[in-house]
Protein backbone atom coordinates (compact mmCIF):
# COMPACT_ATOMS: atom_id res chain seq x y z
CA UNK A 1 10.13 71.80 -19.02
CA UNK A 2 8.36 69.41 -16.60
CA UNK A 3 9.11 65.70 -16.87
CA UNK A 4 6.42 63.41 -15.56
CA UNK A 5 7.60 60.56 -13.41
CA UNK A 6 6.42 57.28 -14.87
CA UNK A 7 5.12 54.92 -12.15
CA UNK A 8 5.03 51.18 -12.29
CA UNK A 9 1.79 49.25 -11.96
CA UNK A 10 1.70 46.87 -9.01
CA UNK A 11 1.94 43.88 -11.34
CA UNK A 12 4.99 45.35 -13.09
CA UNK A 13 6.56 46.17 -9.73
CA UNK A 14 6.09 42.59 -8.53
CA UNK A 15 7.63 41.36 -11.82
CA UNK A 16 10.61 43.62 -11.18
CA UNK A 17 10.93 42.34 -7.60
CA UNK A 18 10.85 38.72 -8.80
CA UNK A 19 13.44 39.53 -11.46
CA UNK A 20 15.66 40.99 -8.73
CA UNK A 21 15.31 37.71 -6.77
CA UNK A 22 12.85 38.89 -4.12
CA UNK A 23 10.59 35.84 -3.61
CA UNK A 24 9.23 36.14 -0.06
CA UNK A 25 6.05 38.26 0.26
CA UNK A 26 7.38 40.07 3.36
CA UNK A 27 10.59 40.99 1.55
CA UNK A 28 8.58 41.90 -1.55
CA UNK A 29 6.39 44.33 0.38
CA UNK A 30 9.49 46.00 1.82
CA UNK A 31 11.17 46.12 -1.61
CA UNK A 32 8.11 47.68 -3.25
CA UNK A 33 7.81 50.12 -0.33
CA UNK A 34 11.25 51.43 -1.27
CA UNK A 35 9.87 52.08 -4.76
CA UNK A 36 6.95 53.99 -3.28
CA UNK A 37 4.37 51.28 -3.96
CA UNK A 38 2.07 50.15 -1.17
CA UNK A 39 0.98 46.54 -1.42
CA UNK A 40 -0.08 43.84 1.05
CA UNK A 41 1.63 40.47 1.45
CA UNK A 42 -1.46 38.75 0.07
CA UNK A 43 -1.47 41.00 -3.02
CA UNK A 44 2.23 40.30 -3.61
CA UNK A 45 1.64 36.56 -3.27
CA UNK A 46 -1.35 36.67 -5.65
CA UNK A 47 0.55 38.67 -8.27
CA UNK A 48 3.51 36.30 -7.91
CA UNK A 49 1.29 33.23 -8.43
CA UNK A 50 -0.38 34.82 -11.46
CA UNK A 51 2.96 35.78 -12.99
CA UNK A 52 4.32 32.26 -12.51
CA UNK A 53 1.15 30.62 -13.78
CA UNK A 54 1.10 32.77 -16.92
CA UNK A 55 4.79 32.15 -17.56
CA UNK A 56 4.37 28.38 -17.28
CA UNK A 57 6.50 28.04 -14.15
CA UNK A 58 5.05 26.01 -11.26
CA UNK A 59 3.62 28.20 -8.52
CA UNK A 60 4.70 25.77 -5.82
CA UNK A 61 6.10 22.26 -5.76
CA UNK A 62 3.52 19.50 -5.81
CA UNK A 63 3.87 16.41 -3.68
CA UNK A 64 3.69 13.27 -5.75
CA UNK A 65 3.22 9.88 -4.19
CA UNK A 66 6.17 7.59 -4.71
CA UNK A 67 5.20 4.04 -5.62
CA UNK A 68 6.72 1.55 -3.22
CA UNK A 69 7.56 -0.96 -5.93
CA UNK A 70 5.69 -3.89 -4.42
CA UNK A 71 2.17 -4.20 -3.04
CA UNK A 72 1.68 -4.49 0.69
CA UNK A 73 1.39 -8.09 1.86
CA UNK A 74 -1.87 -8.88 3.63
CA UNK A 75 -1.56 -9.49 7.35
CA UNK A 76 -3.07 -12.53 9.04
CA UNK A 77 -5.60 -10.32 10.81
CA UNK A 78 -6.73 -8.80 7.49
CA UNK A 79 -7.02 -12.22 5.87
CA UNK A 80 -8.98 -13.70 8.75
CA UNK A 81 -11.24 -10.63 8.98
CA UNK A 82 -12.34 -10.96 5.37
CA UNK A 83 -15.39 -13.15 4.66
CA UNK A 84 -13.37 -15.63 2.60
CA UNK A 85 -10.22 -15.29 4.71
CA UNK A 86 -10.65 -18.35 6.90
CA UNK A 87 -11.63 -20.45 3.90
CA UNK A 88 -8.46 -19.47 2.04
CA UNK A 89 -6.30 -20.18 5.12
CA UNK A 90 -7.88 -23.62 5.58
CA UNK A 91 -7.49 -24.36 1.85
CA UNK A 92 -3.80 -23.48 2.12
CA UNK A 93 -3.35 -25.77 5.14
CA UNK A 94 -5.19 -28.57 3.31
CA UNK A 95 -2.79 -28.16 0.38
CA UNK A 96 0.19 -28.53 2.73
CA UNK A 97 -1.36 -31.58 4.41
CA UNK A 98 -1.91 -33.18 1.00
CA UNK A 99 1.65 -32.38 -0.12
CA UNK A 100 3.57 -33.22 3.08
CA UNK A 101 1.31 -35.55 5.00
CA UNK A 102 -0.56 -34.86 8.22
CA UNK A 103 2.25 -35.93 10.55
CA UNK A 104 4.77 -33.58 8.88
CA UNK A 105 2.35 -30.61 9.09
CA UNK A 106 1.71 -31.38 12.79
CA UNK A 107 5.49 -31.43 13.45
CA UNK A 108 5.90 -28.09 11.64
CA UNK A 109 3.06 -26.55 13.67
CA UNK A 110 4.60 -27.81 16.94
CA UNK A 111 7.97 -26.38 15.95
CA UNK A 112 6.48 -22.98 15.05
CA UNK A 113 4.42 -22.86 18.25
CA UNK A 114 7.54 -22.86 20.45
């Protein structure tokens, strides 16, 4: 009586390799070579991605931007470069002059200029 040897499809062989913990395509090609199955690294990688996609597992980790928590403060150069930048800076200075008086603002500017 002759018993036919049942061979695995390439997809089934890759599933078996993944089940055995073989994740790297180079290692997978070598593992499948031991089973008598010839496959390229690209084929192994494609089968692996398809198996993971169909099973609902992520194929590879995705980078997600992490919010910084607070918005970036505008720099003086950015403010002055904008069309309304100088106007807003002068309005801010005017508000300080009105609140503190001109002589106080001049003293503050002299102190900061040192």
